[in-house]
Amino acid sequence: MMRVLIADDHAIVRKGLRQIAEESEQMCVVEAADGQEALDKMQSDDWDVLVLDMNMPGRHGLDVLREVRVLRPGLPVLVLSGYPDDQYALRVLRAGAAGYLNKDVAPEELVKAILKIVAGGKYISQELAEHLVWEMSNQKDELPHKRLSDREYCVLIMIGQGKSIGQIAQAMTLSVKTVSTYRTRTLEKMHFQSNADVIRYVFDHNLS
């Protein structure tokens, strides 16, 4: 049996994903309610694949993905997101995810994606593949947040959610000084003056 760890903060979503996966009769599924629990389970047991929700309380999915790559560099990770594909897809694939799937897809596509990345392949939808080709050929028109580093992007999102520097530092397991540096760089790159500008931008672009 394939051992699958599903990390999502919504219990109903976890149960639904678990039911879909286990109906294939090839998978044994364990649930994690947030990124930190997923990392804890990652260190205490062996897994064939991690199915990771991008937007959970506490540690952002990108930060969790980065740590998974350190803890279990060979573990395939399938990232799930409820947001438009253009907001996260290319960033998480560059960060080491083996696949990316929007939560709106049909149930059978989840099983197909898991089986493919466990076999060593990569998985994105046909629609996303076409979008990424278009985006890479039109990078001169990209939005400014896409030029941020992954850490800067995580800070942008958390500021946009109204979190303080201290809360962000705790969620990302970084020092307050380091997070303040990321905040400063983010504001400079985005040409913002304050957190209010960040909050407005995140809201206007549906990033959180």
N, C-alpha and C. Protein backbone atom coordinates (compact mmCIF):
# COMPACT_ATOMS: atom_id res chain seq x y z
N MET A 1 0.83 -1.20 0.00
CA MET A 1 0.00 0.00 0.00
C MET A 1 0.88 1.26 0.00
N MET A 2 0.47 2.25 -0.76
CA MET A 2 1.17 3.52 -0.83
C MET A 2 0.79 4.38 0.37
N ARG A 3 1.81 4.91 1.08
CA ARG A 3 1.55 5.71 2.26
C ARG A 3 1.48 7.19 1.86
N VAL A 4 0.30 7.79 2.10
CA VAL A 4 0.04 9.16 1.66
C VAL A 4 -0.24 10.03 2.89
N LEU A 5 0.47 11.15 2.99
CA LEU A 5 0.23 12.12 4.05
C LEU A 5 -0.47 13.33 3.43
N ILE A 6 -1.67 13.65 3.93
CA ILE A 6 -2.45 14.78 3.42
C ILE A 6 -2.48 15.88 4.47
N ALA A 7 -1.98 17.07 4.10
CA ALA A 7 -1.96 18.21 5.02
C ALA A 7 -2.92 19.29 4.52
N ASP A 8 -3.97 19.53 5.28
CA ASP A 8 -4.96 20.57 4.95
C ASP A 8 -5.63 20.97 6.25
N ASP A 9 -5.87 22.28 6.43
CA ASP A 9 -6.43 22.74 7.70
C ASP A 9 -7.94 22.59 7.79
N HIS A 10 -8.61 22.22 6.71
CA HIS A 10 -10.06 22.03 6.75
C HIS A 10 -10.39 20.54 6.88
N ALA A 11 -11.02 20.17 7.98
CA ALA A 11 -11.30 18.76 8.25
C ALA A 11 -12.16 18.13 7.16
N ILE A 12 -13.14 18.85 6.67
CA ILE A 12 -14.02 18.30 5.64
C ILE A 12 -13.23 18.03 4.36
N VAL A 13 -12.35 18.95 4.02
CA VAL A 13 -11.52 18.77 2.82
C VAL A 13 -10.60 17.57 2.99
N ARG A 14 -9.98 17.44 4.18
CA ARG A 14 -9.10 16.29 4.43
C ARG A 14 -9.85 14.98 4.29
N LYS A 15 -11.04 14.92 4.87
CA LYS A 15 -11.83 13.69 4.80
C LYS A 15 -12.20 13.37 3.36
N GLY A 16 -12.54 14.43 2.59
CA GLY A 16 -12.89 14.21 1.19
C GLY A 16 -11.71 13.71 0.38
N LEU A 17 -10.54 14.33 0.60
CA LEU A 17 -9.33 13.90 -0.10
C LEU A 17 -8.97 12.47 0.29
N ARG A 18 -9.11 12.17 1.57
CA ARG A 18 -8.78 10.82 2.04
C ARG A 18 -9.70 9.78 1.41
N GLN A 19 -10.99 10.10 1.34
CA GLN A 19 -11.94 9.16 0.75
C GLN A 19 -11.62 8.91 -0.72
N ILE A 20 -11.31 10.00 -1.45
CA ILE A 20 -10.97 9.88 -2.87
C ILE A 20 -9.75 8.99 -3.05
N ALA A 21 -8.70 9.25 -2.24
CA ALA A 21 -7.46 8.49 -2.38
C ALA A 21 -7.65 7.02 -2.02
N GLU A 22 -8.37 6.76 -0.93
CA GLU A 22 -8.51 5.38 -0.47
C GLU A 22 -9.45 4.56 -1.33
N GLU A 23 -10.30 5.22 -2.11
CA GLU A 23 -11.18 4.49 -3.02
C GLU A 23 -10.39 3.80 -4.13
N SER A 24 -9.18 4.25 -4.37
CA SER A 24 -8.34 3.60 -5.38
C SER A 24 -7.84 2.24 -4.91
N GLU A 25 -7.94 1.98 -3.59
CA GLU A 25 -7.51 0.73 -2.97
C GLU A 25 -6.00 0.50 -3.13
N GLN A 26 -5.27 1.58 -3.37
CA GLN A 26 -3.81 1.48 -3.48
C GLN A 26 -3.12 2.33 -2.43
N MET A 27 -3.92 3.08 -1.64
CA MET A 27 -3.33 4.09 -0.77
C MET A 27 -3.82 3.98 0.66
N CYS A 28 -2.88 4.16 1.59
CA CYS A 28 -3.18 4.28 3.01
C CYS A 28 -2.91 5.73 3.38
N VAL A 29 -3.93 6.44 3.88
CA VAL A 29 -3.84 7.89 4.06
C VAL A 29 -3.82 8.27 5.53
N VAL A 30 -2.92 9.20 5.88
CA VAL A 30 -2.86 9.79 7.21
C VAL A 30 -3.02 11.30 7.04
N GLU A 31 -3.72 11.94 8.00
CA GLU A 31 -4.02 13.36 7.88
C GLU A 31 -3.16 14.22 8.81
N ALA A 32 -2.91 15.45 8.37
CA ALA A 32 -2.26 16.47 9.20
C ALA A 32 -3.07 17.75 9.06
N ALA A 33 -3.30 18.45 10.18
CA ALA A 33 -4.20 19.60 10.18
C ALA A 33 -3.50 20.91 9.84
N ASP A 34 -2.17 20.92 9.83
CA ASP A 34 -1.45 22.13 9.44
C ASP A 34 -0.03 21.77 9.02
N GLY A 35 0.73 22.78 8.60
CA GLY A 35 2.07 22.53 8.10
C GLY A 35 3.00 21.96 9.14
N GLN A 36 2.93 22.45 10.38
CA GLN A 36 3.83 21.96 11.41
C GLN A 36 3.55 20.51 11.75
N GLU A 37 2.27 20.12 11.81
CA GLU A 37 1.94 18.72 12.07
C GLU A 37 2.45 17.83 10.94
N ALA A 38 2.37 18.33 9.71
CA ALA A 38 2.88 17.57 8.57
C ALA A 38 4.38 17.36 8.70
N LEU A 39 5.11 18.40 9.11
CA LEU A 39 6.56 18.28 9.28
C LEU A 39 6.90 17.32 10.41
N ASP A 40 6.13 17.36 11.50
CA ASP A 40 6.36 16.44 12.62
C ASP A 40 6.16 15.00 12.18
N LYS A 41 5.09 14.73 11.43
CA LYS A 41 4.81 13.38 10.96
C LYS A 41 5.86 12.94 9.93
N MET A 42 6.38 13.92 9.20
CA MET A 42 7.40 13.64 8.20
C MET A 42 8.65 13.06 8.86
N GLN A 43 8.97 13.56 10.04
CA GLN A 43 10.18 13.12 10.73
C GLN A 43 9.99 11.84 11.52
N SER A 44 8.73 11.50 11.82
CA SER A 44 8.48 10.34 12.66
C SER A 44 8.13 9.08 11.88
N ASP A 45 7.92 9.20 10.58
CA ASP A 45 7.50 8.04 9.80
C ASP A 45 7.95 8.20 8.35
N ASP A 46 7.84 7.13 7.58
CA ASP A 46 8.19 7.16 6.16
C ASP A 46 6.93 7.28 5.32
N TRP A 47 7.03 8.05 4.21
CA TRP A 47 5.88 8.32 3.35
C TRP A 47 6.28 8.16 1.89
N ASP A 48 5.30 7.85 1.08
CA ASP A 48 5.53 7.76 -0.36
C ASP A 48 5.22 9.08 -1.07
N VAL A 49 4.35 9.89 -0.46
CA VAL A 49 3.97 11.15 -1.09
C VAL A 49 3.32 12.06 -0.05
N LEU A 50 3.52 13.37 -0.22
CA LEU A 50 2.85 14.37 0.61
C LEU A 50 1.93 15.18 -0.28
N VAL A 51 0.67 15.27 0.12
CA VAL A 51 -0.31 16.14 -0.55
C VAL A 51 -0.47 17.36 0.35
N LEU A 52 -0.02 18.51 -0.12
CA LEU A 52 0.13 19.70 0.72
C LEU A 52 -0.75 20.85 0.26
N ASP A 53 -1.64 21.31 1.15
CA ASP A 53 -2.43 22.51 0.86
C ASP A 53 -1.52 23.73 0.95
N MET A 54 -1.70 24.67 0.05
CA MET A 54 -0.81 25.82 -0.02
C MET A 54 -1.08 26.85 1.06
N ASN A 55 -2.34 27.02 1.45
CA ASN A 55 -2.70 28.12 2.35
C ASN A 55 -3.30 27.58 3.64
N MET A 56 -2.44 27.44 4.67
CA MET A 56 -2.89 26.96 5.97
C MET A 56 -2.48 27.95 7.05
N PRO A 57 -3.13 27.92 8.21
CA PRO A 57 -2.72 28.81 9.30
C PRO A 57 -1.30 28.51 9.74
N GLY A 58 -0.63 29.53 10.28
CA GLY A 58 0.73 29.33 10.75
C GLY A 58 1.70 29.39 9.59
N ARG A 59 2.45 28.33 9.38
CA ARG A 59 3.49 28.31 8.35
C ARG A 59 2.87 28.22 6.96
N HIS A 60 3.32 29.09 6.08
CA HIS A 60 2.81 29.11 4.71
C HIS A 60 3.28 27.86 3.97
N GLY A 61 2.46 27.44 3.02
CA GLY A 61 2.77 26.22 2.28
C GLY A 61 4.12 26.24 1.59
N LEU A 62 4.53 27.39 1.07
CA LEU A 62 5.83 27.49 0.42
C LEU A 62 6.97 27.23 1.40
N ASP A 63 6.81 27.74 2.63
CA ASP A 63 7.84 27.53 3.64
C ASP A 63 7.88 26.06 4.08
N VAL A 64 6.71 25.44 4.20
CA VAL A 64 6.64 24.02 4.54
C VAL A 64 7.29 23.19 3.43
N LEU A 65 6.99 23.53 2.19
CA LEU A 65 7.56 22.81 1.05
C LEU A 65 9.09 22.89 1.07
N ARG A 66 9.60 24.06 1.36
CA ARG A 66 11.06 24.24 1.40
C ARG A 66 11.69 23.35 2.47
N GLU A 67 11.05 23.25 3.64
CA GLU A 67 11.61 22.43 4.71
C GLU A 67 11.49 20.94 4.39
N VAL A 68 10.40 20.56 3.74
CA VAL A 68 10.25 19.17 3.32
C VAL A 68 11.37 18.77 2.38
N ARG A 69 11.76 19.67 1.50
CA ARG A 69 12.83 19.40 0.55
C ARG A 69 14.15 19.13 1.27
N VAL A 70 14.31 19.73 2.47
CA VAL A 70 15.51 19.50 3.28
C VAL A 70 15.39 18.19 4.06
N LEU A 71 14.23 17.98 4.69
CA LEU A 71 14.03 16.79 5.52
C LEU A 71 13.96 15.52 4.70
N ARG A 72 13.22 15.56 3.59
CA ARG A 72 13.00 14.39 2.74
C ARG A 72 13.18 14.80 1.28
N PRO A 73 14.43 15.02 0.86
CA PRO A 73 14.67 15.54 -0.49
C PRO A 73 14.10 14.67 -1.61
N GLY A 74 13.95 13.37 -1.36
CA GLY A 74 13.43 12.50 -2.42
C GLY A 74 11.93 12.32 -2.39
N LEU A 75 11.25 12.92 -1.42
CA LEU A 75 9.80 12.72 -1.29
C LEU A 75 9.03 13.57 -2.29
N PRO A 76 8.19 12.96 -3.13
CA PRO A 76 7.38 13.75 -4.06
C PRO A 76 6.27 14.50 -3.31
N VAL A 77 6.08 15.76 -3.67
CA VAL A 77 5.06 16.59 -3.03
C VAL A 77 4.08 17.09 -4.09
N LEU A 78 2.80 16.83 -3.84
CA LEU A 78 1.74 17.35 -4.70
C LEU A 78 1.09 18.52 -3.96
N VAL A 79 1.17 19.71 -4.53
CA VAL A 79 0.62 20.90 -3.90
C VAL A 79 -0.80 21.13 -4.39
N LEU A 80 -1.70 21.38 -3.45
CA LEU A 80 -3.09 21.72 -3.76
C LEU A 80 -3.33 23.18 -3.45
N SER A 81 -4.14 23.84 -4.26
CA SER A 81 -4.47 25.24 -4.00
C SER A 81 -5.89 25.54 -4.45
N GLY A 82 -6.55 26.39 -3.68
CA GLY A 82 -7.88 26.83 -4.06
C GLY A 82 -7.86 28.16 -4.79
N TYR A 83 -6.67 28.71 -4.98
CA TYR A 83 -6.54 30.00 -5.66
C TYR A 83 -6.23 29.80 -7.14
N PRO A 84 -6.40 30.85 -7.94
CA PRO A 84 -6.09 30.74 -9.37
C PRO A 84 -4.68 30.23 -9.60
N ASP A 85 -4.51 29.39 -10.61
CA ASP A 85 -3.23 28.72 -10.84
C ASP A 85 -2.06 29.67 -11.02
N ASP A 86 -2.31 30.85 -11.60
CA ASP A 86 -1.19 31.73 -11.90
C ASP A 86 -0.56 32.34 -10.66
N GLN A 87 -1.20 32.22 -9.49
CA GLN A 87 -0.67 32.83 -8.28
C GLN A 87 0.43 31.99 -7.63
N TYR A 88 0.35 30.69 -7.74
CA TYR A 88 1.29 29.84 -7.01
C TYR A 88 2.01 28.79 -7.86
N ALA A 89 1.43 28.38 -8.96
CA ALA A 89 1.90 27.19 -9.66
C ALA A 89 3.38 27.23 -9.99
N LEU A 90 3.82 28.25 -10.71
CA LEU A 90 5.22 28.30 -11.13
C LEU A 90 6.16 28.40 -9.94
N ARG A 91 5.73 29.14 -8.92
CA ARG A 91 6.56 29.33 -7.74
C ARG A 91 6.77 28.00 -6.99
N VAL A 92 5.71 27.22 -6.80
CA VAL A 92 5.87 25.96 -6.05
C VAL A 92 6.61 24.91 -6.86
N LEU A 93 6.45 24.93 -8.17
CA LEU A 93 7.20 23.99 -9.00
C LEU A 93 8.69 24.30 -8.96
N ARG A 94 9.01 25.59 -8.97
CA ARG A 94 10.42 25.99 -8.86
C ARG A 94 10.98 25.65 -7.48
N ALA A 95 10.09 25.62 -6.46
CA ALA A 95 10.54 25.32 -5.10
C ALA A 95 10.71 23.83 -4.87
N GLY A 96 10.36 23.01 -5.85
CA GLY A 96 10.62 21.58 -5.73
C GLY A 96 9.42 20.67 -5.67
N ALA A 97 8.22 21.22 -5.82
CA ALA A 97 7.03 20.35 -5.85
C ALA A 97 7.06 19.49 -7.11
N ALA A 98 6.56 18.26 -7.00
CA ALA A 98 6.51 17.36 -8.14
C ALA A 98 5.23 17.53 -8.94
N GLY A 99 4.25 18.20 -8.33
CA GLY A 99 2.99 18.40 -9.03
C GLY A 99 2.19 19.52 -8.40
N TYR A 100 1.26 20.04 -9.17
CA TYR A 100 0.40 21.13 -8.70
C TYR A 100 -1.01 20.87 -9.20
N LEU A 101 -1.98 21.02 -8.30
CA LEU A 101 -3.36 20.71 -8.65
C LEU A 101 -4.29 21.72 -7.99
N ASN A 102 -5.23 22.24 -8.75
CA ASN A 102 -6.24 23.11 -8.18
C ASN A 102 -7.33 22.26 -7.55
N LYS A 103 -7.89 22.73 -6.45
CA LYS A 103 -8.90 21.94 -5.73
C LYS A 103 -10.21 21.78 -6.50
N ASP A 104 -10.35 22.50 -7.59
CA ASP A 104 -11.57 22.41 -8.38
C ASP A 104 -11.59 21.22 -9.34
N VAL A 105 -10.49 20.47 -9.42
CA VAL A 105 -10.41 19.39 -10.41
C VAL A 105 -11.30 18.22 -10.02
N ALA A 106 -11.55 17.35 -10.98
CA ALA A 106 -12.34 16.15 -10.74
C ALA A 106 -11.58 15.19 -9.81
N PRO A 107 -12.29 14.42 -8.98
CA PRO A 107 -11.64 13.52 -8.02
C PRO A 107 -10.63 12.57 -8.64
N GLU A 108 -10.95 12.03 -9.80
CA GLU A 108 -10.04 11.05 -10.41
C GLU A 108 -8.70 11.66 -10.79
N GLU A 109 -8.67 12.99 -10.98
CA GLU A 109 -7.40 13.63 -11.33
C GLU A 109 -6.45 13.64 -10.14
N LEU A 110 -6.98 13.70 -8.92
CA LEU A 110 -6.13 13.64 -7.73
C LEU A 110 -5.39 12.30 -7.68
N VAL A 111 -6.11 11.22 -7.87
CA VAL A 111 -5.49 9.90 -7.85
C VAL A 111 -4.47 9.77 -8.97
N LYS A 112 -4.82 10.24 -10.15
CA LYS A 112 -3.91 10.20 -11.30
C LYS A 112 -2.62 10.96 -11.00
N ALA A 113 -2.76 12.14 -10.37
CA ALA A 113 -1.60 12.96 -10.05
C ALA A 113 -0.69 12.27 -9.04
N ILE A 114 -1.29 11.71 -7.98
CA ILE A 114 -0.51 11.01 -6.95
C ILE A 114 0.26 9.85 -7.55
N LEU A 115 -0.41 9.03 -8.34
CA LEU A 115 0.24 7.86 -8.93
C LEU A 115 1.40 8.26 -9.84
N LYS A 116 1.20 9.36 -10.58
CA LYS A 116 2.25 9.78 -11.51
C LYS A 116 3.48 10.28 -10.79
N ILE A 117 3.31 11.11 -9.76
CA ILE A 117 4.50 11.66 -9.10
C ILE A 117 5.20 10.63 -8.22
N VAL A 118 4.45 9.66 -7.67
CA VAL A 118 5.08 8.58 -6.91
C VAL A 118 5.93 7.71 -7.84
N ALA A 119 5.50 7.61 -9.10
CA ALA A 119 6.26 6.83 -10.09
C ALA A 119 7.47 7.59 -10.62
N GLY A 120 7.66 8.83 -10.13
CA GLY A 120 8.82 9.60 -10.53
C GLY A 120 8.55 10.68 -11.55
N GLY A 121 7.28 10.86 -11.93
CA GLY A 121 6.95 11.86 -12.92
C GLY A 121 6.57 13.20 -12.31
N LYS A 122 6.17 14.12 -13.17
CA LYS A 122 5.67 15.42 -12.76
C LYS A 122 4.23 15.54 -13.20
N TYR A 123 3.45 16.36 -12.47
CA TYR A 123 2.05 16.46 -12.86
C TYR A 123 1.51 17.88 -12.74
N ILE A 124 1.01 18.39 -13.86
CA ILE A 124 0.19 19.59 -13.88
C ILE A 124 -0.91 19.37 -14.91
N SER A 125 -1.98 20.12 -14.80
CA SER A 125 -3.08 19.97 -15.75
C SER A 125 -2.69 20.55 -17.11
N GLN A 126 -3.41 20.14 -18.16
CA GLN A 126 -3.15 20.66 -19.49
C GLN A 126 -3.37 22.17 -19.54
N GLU A 127 -4.42 22.64 -18.85
CA GLU A 127 -4.72 24.06 -18.83
C GLU A 127 -3.58 24.85 -18.17
N LEU A 128 -3.04 24.30 -17.07
CA LEU A 128 -1.95 24.97 -16.38
C LEU A 128 -0.69 24.97 -17.24
N ALA A 129 -0.42 23.87 -17.92
CA ALA A 129 0.75 23.80 -18.79
C ALA A 129 0.70 24.89 -19.86
N GLU A 130 -0.48 25.07 -20.45
CA GLU A 130 -0.64 26.10 -21.47
C GLU A 130 -0.45 27.49 -20.88
N HIS A 131 -0.98 27.68 -19.67
CA HIS A 131 -0.85 28.99 -19.02
C HIS A 131 0.60 29.30 -18.70
N LEU A 132 1.35 28.31 -18.21
CA LEU A 132 2.75 28.53 -17.85
C LEU A 132 3.59 28.87 -19.08
N VAL A 133 3.30 28.21 -20.20
CA VAL A 133 4.02 28.52 -21.44
C VAL A 133 3.75 29.97 -21.83
N TRP A 134 2.50 30.39 -21.72
CA TRP A 134 2.15 31.78 -22.05
C TRP A 134 2.83 32.75 -21.10
N GLU A 135 2.81 32.41 -19.79
CA GLU A 135 3.38 33.32 -18.80
C GLU A 135 4.88 33.49 -18.99
N MET A 136 5.58 32.40 -19.26
CA MET A 136 7.03 32.49 -19.43
C MET A 136 7.42 33.26 -20.68
N SER A 137 6.52 33.31 -21.65
CA SER A 137 6.81 34.07 -22.87
C SER A 137 6.38 35.52 -22.74
N ASN A 138 5.76 35.88 -21.62
CA ASN A 138 5.30 37.25 -21.42
C ASN A 138 5.75 37.80 -20.07
N GLN A 139 6.95 37.42 -19.64
CA GLN A 139 7.42 37.80 -18.32
C GLN A 139 7.62 39.30 -18.15
N LYS A 140 7.76 40.01 -19.25
CA LYS A 140 7.94 41.46 -19.15
C LYS A 140 6.70 42.14 -18.57
N ASP A 141 5.56 41.45 -18.65
CA ASP A 141 4.31 42.02 -18.15
C ASP A 141 3.92 41.45 -16.78
N GLU A 142 4.82 40.72 -16.13
CA GLU A 142 4.46 40.06 -14.89
C GLU A 142 4.23 41.06 -13.77
N LEU A 143 3.39 40.66 -12.82
CA LEU A 143 3.09 41.51 -11.67
C LEU A 143 4.30 41.56 -10.74
N PRO A 144 4.45 42.65 -9.98
CA PRO A 144 5.67 42.82 -9.16
C PRO A 144 5.86 41.75 -8.10
N HIS A 145 4.79 41.17 -7.55
CA HIS A 145 4.98 40.16 -6.50
C HIS A 145 5.63 38.89 -7.04
N LYS A 146 5.59 38.68 -8.34
CA LYS A 146 6.19 37.49 -8.92
C LYS A 146 7.71 37.59 -8.99
N ARG A 147 8.24 38.78 -8.75
CA ARG A 147 9.68 38.96 -8.75
C ARG A 147 10.29 38.81 -7.35
N LEU A 148 9.44 38.58 -6.35
CA LEU A 148 9.93 38.39 -4.98
C LEU A 148 10.52 37.00 -4.82
N SER A 149 11.46 36.85 -3.89
CA SER A 149 11.94 35.52 -3.53
C SER A 149 10.82 34.78 -2.79
N ASP A 150 10.97 33.47 -2.60
CA ASP A 150 9.93 32.71 -1.91
C ASP A 150 9.71 33.22 -0.48
N ARG A 151 10.81 33.52 0.23
CA ARG A 151 10.68 34.01 1.60
C ARG A 151 9.99 35.39 1.61
N GLU A 152 10.39 36.26 0.69
CA GLU A 152 9.76 37.58 0.61
C GLU A 152 8.28 37.45 0.28
N TYR A 153 7.96 36.51 -0.58
CA TYR A 153 6.57 36.29 -0.96
C TYR A 153 5.74 35.81 0.24
N CYS A 154 6.31 34.90 1.03
CA CYS A 154 5.62 34.44 2.24
C CYS A 154 5.36 35.59 3.20
N VAL A 155 6.35 36.45 3.36
CA VAL A 155 6.18 37.62 4.24
C VAL A 155 5.10 38.55 3.69
N LEU A 156 5.10 38.76 2.39
CA LEU A 156 4.06 39.57 1.75
C LEU A 156 2.66 39.04 2.08
N ILE A 157 2.49 37.73 1.90
CA ILE A 157 1.18 37.11 2.14
C ILE A 157 0.76 37.27 3.60
N MET A 158 1.68 37.01 4.51
CA MET A 158 1.33 37.06 5.94
C MET A 158 1.05 38.49 6.40
N ILE A 159 1.79 39.46 5.88
CA ILE A 159 1.48 40.85 6.19
C ILE A 159 0.09 41.18 5.65
N GLY A 160 -0.18 40.67 4.46
CA GLY A 160 -1.50 40.89 3.86
C GLY A 160 -2.63 40.27 4.66
N GLN A 161 -2.31 39.24 5.44
CA GLN A 161 -3.30 38.61 6.31
C GLN A 161 -3.43 39.31 7.65
N GLY A 162 -2.63 40.38 7.83
CA GLY A 162 -2.71 41.16 9.06
C GLY A 162 -1.81 40.66 10.18
N LYS A 163 -0.88 39.75 9.89
CA LYS A 163 0.01 39.22 10.92
C LYS A 163 1.11 40.23 11.25
N SER A 164 1.52 40.24 12.52
CA SER A 164 2.61 41.11 12.96
C SER A 164 3.95 40.47 12.60
N ILE A 165 5.03 41.26 12.70
CA ILE A 165 6.37 40.73 12.44
C ILE A 165 6.68 39.57 13.38
N GLY A 166 6.29 39.70 14.65
CA GLY A 166 6.51 38.62 15.61
C GLY A 166 5.78 37.35 15.25
N GLN A 167 4.54 37.47 14.81
CA GLN A 167 3.75 36.30 14.42
C GLN A 167 4.36 35.63 13.18
N ILE A 168 4.80 36.46 12.24
CA ILE A 168 5.42 35.91 11.03
C ILE A 168 6.72 35.18 11.39
N ALA A 169 7.51 35.79 12.27
CA ALA A 169 8.77 35.16 12.70
C ALA A 169 8.51 33.80 13.33
N GLN A 170 7.49 33.72 14.15
CA GLN A 170 7.16 32.45 14.81
C GLN A 170 6.70 31.42 13.78
N ALA A 171 5.84 31.85 12.85
CA ALA A 171 5.31 30.92 11.84
C ALA A 171 6.41 30.39 10.92
N MET A 172 7.38 31.24 10.60
CA MET A 172 8.44 30.85 9.67
C MET A 172 9.69 30.33 10.38
N THR A 173 9.62 30.29 11.72
CA THR A 173 10.76 29.88 12.55
C THR A 173 12.02 30.67 12.20
N LEU A 174 11.86 31.98 12.12
CA LEU A 174 12.95 32.90 11.85
C LEU A 174 13.00 33.94 12.97
N SER A 175 14.10 34.68 13.05
CA SER A 175 14.18 35.75 14.04
C SER A 175 13.37 36.96 13.56
N VAL A 176 12.96 37.78 14.52
CA VAL A 176 12.23 39.00 14.19
C VAL A 176 13.07 39.90 13.29
N LYS A 177 14.38 39.95 13.56
CA LYS A 177 15.28 40.77 12.76
C LYS A 177 15.31 40.30 11.31
N THR A 178 15.36 38.98 11.10
CA THR A 178 15.39 38.44 9.75
C THR A 178 14.11 38.75 9.00
N VAL A 179 12.97 38.57 9.68
CA VAL A 179 11.68 38.86 9.05
C VAL A 179 11.58 40.35 8.71
N SER A 180 12.08 41.20 9.61
CA SER A 180 12.07 42.65 9.34
C SER A 180 12.88 42.98 8.09
N THR A 181 13.98 42.25 7.90
CA THR A 181 14.80 42.46 6.70
C THR A 181 14.03 42.05 5.45
N TYR A 182 13.35 40.89 5.53
CA TYR A 182 12.53 40.46 4.39
C TYR A 182 11.42 41.46 4.10
N ARG A 183 10.82 42.00 5.16
CA ARG A 183 9.76 43.00 4.98
C ARG A 183 10.31 44.23 4.26
N THR A 184 11.47 44.70 4.70
CA THR A 184 12.07 45.88 4.09
C THR A 184 12.35 45.64 2.60
N ARG A 185 12.92 44.48 2.29
CA ARG A 185 13.21 44.16 0.89
C ARG A 185 11.92 44.09 0.07
N THR A 186 10.88 43.49 0.67
CA THR A 186 9.61 43.36 -0.02
C THR A 186 9.01 44.72 -0.34
N LEU A 187 9.00 45.61 0.64
CA LEU A 187 8.46 46.95 0.43
C LEU A 187 9.25 47.68 -0.66
N GLU A 188 10.57 47.52 -0.63
CA GLU A 188 11.40 48.20 -1.63
C GLU A 188 11.12 47.68 -3.04
N LYS A 189 11.06 46.36 -3.18
CA LYS A 189 10.83 45.77 -4.50
C LYS A 189 9.44 46.10 -5.04
N MET A 190 8.46 46.21 -4.12
CA MET A 190 7.09 46.49 -4.54
C MET A 190 6.80 47.98 -4.62
N HIS A 191 7.78 48.79 -4.19
CA HIS A 191 7.61 50.25 -4.15
C HIS A 191 6.45 50.66 -3.23
N PHE A 192 6.39 50.00 -2.07
CA PHE A 192 5.37 50.30 -1.07
C PHE A 192 5.98 51.11 0.07
N GLN A 193 5.12 51.83 0.77
CA GLN A 193 5.55 52.65 1.88
C GLN A 193 5.22 52.03 3.25
N SER A 194 4.19 51.19 3.29
CA SER A 194 3.72 50.68 4.58
C SER A 194 3.02 49.34 4.43
N ASN A 195 2.70 48.74 5.59
CA ASN A 195 1.94 47.48 5.58
C ASN A 195 0.57 47.66 4.96
N ALA A 196 0.00 48.85 5.09
CA ALA A 196 -1.32 49.11 4.51
C ALA A 196 -1.29 48.92 3.00
N ASP A 197 -0.18 49.33 2.37
CA ASP A 197 -0.04 49.12 0.92
C ASP A 197 0.00 47.64 0.59
N VAL A 198 0.68 46.86 1.44
CA VAL A 198 0.76 45.41 1.23
C VAL A 198 -0.61 44.78 1.36
N ILE A 199 -1.32 45.13 2.41
CA ILE A 199 -2.65 44.56 2.66
C ILE A 199 -3.58 44.85 1.49
N ARG A 200 -3.53 46.07 1.00
CA ARG A 200 -4.38 46.46 -0.13
C ARG A 200 -4.02 45.66 -1.39
N TYR A 201 -2.72 45.50 -1.62
CA TYR A 201 -2.27 44.77 -2.82
C TYR A 201 -2.67 43.29 -2.75
N VAL A 202 -2.45 42.68 -1.60
CA VAL A 202 -2.80 41.26 -1.43
C VAL A 202 -4.30 41.05 -1.63
N PHE A 203 -5.10 41.98 -1.09
CA PHE A 203 -6.55 41.88 -1.25
C PHE A 203 -6.95 42.08 -2.71
N ASP A 204 -6.40 43.11 -3.34
CA ASP A 204 -6.79 43.43 -4.72
C ASP A 204 -6.43 42.32 -5.70
N HIS A 205 -5.34 41.57 -5.40
CA HIS A 205 -4.90 40.51 -6.30
C HIS A 205 -5.30 39.12 -5.82
N ASN A 206 -6.15 39.08 -4.78
CA ASN A 206 -6.70 37.80 -4.30
C ASN A 206 -5.59 36.81 -3.99
N LEU A 207 -4.57 37.27 -3.26
CA LEU A 207 -3.42 36.43 -2.96
C LEU A 207 -3.56 35.67 -1.65
N SER A 208 -4.58 35.98 -0.86
CA SER A 208 -4.69 35.34 0.45
C SER A 208 -6.12 34.98 0.76
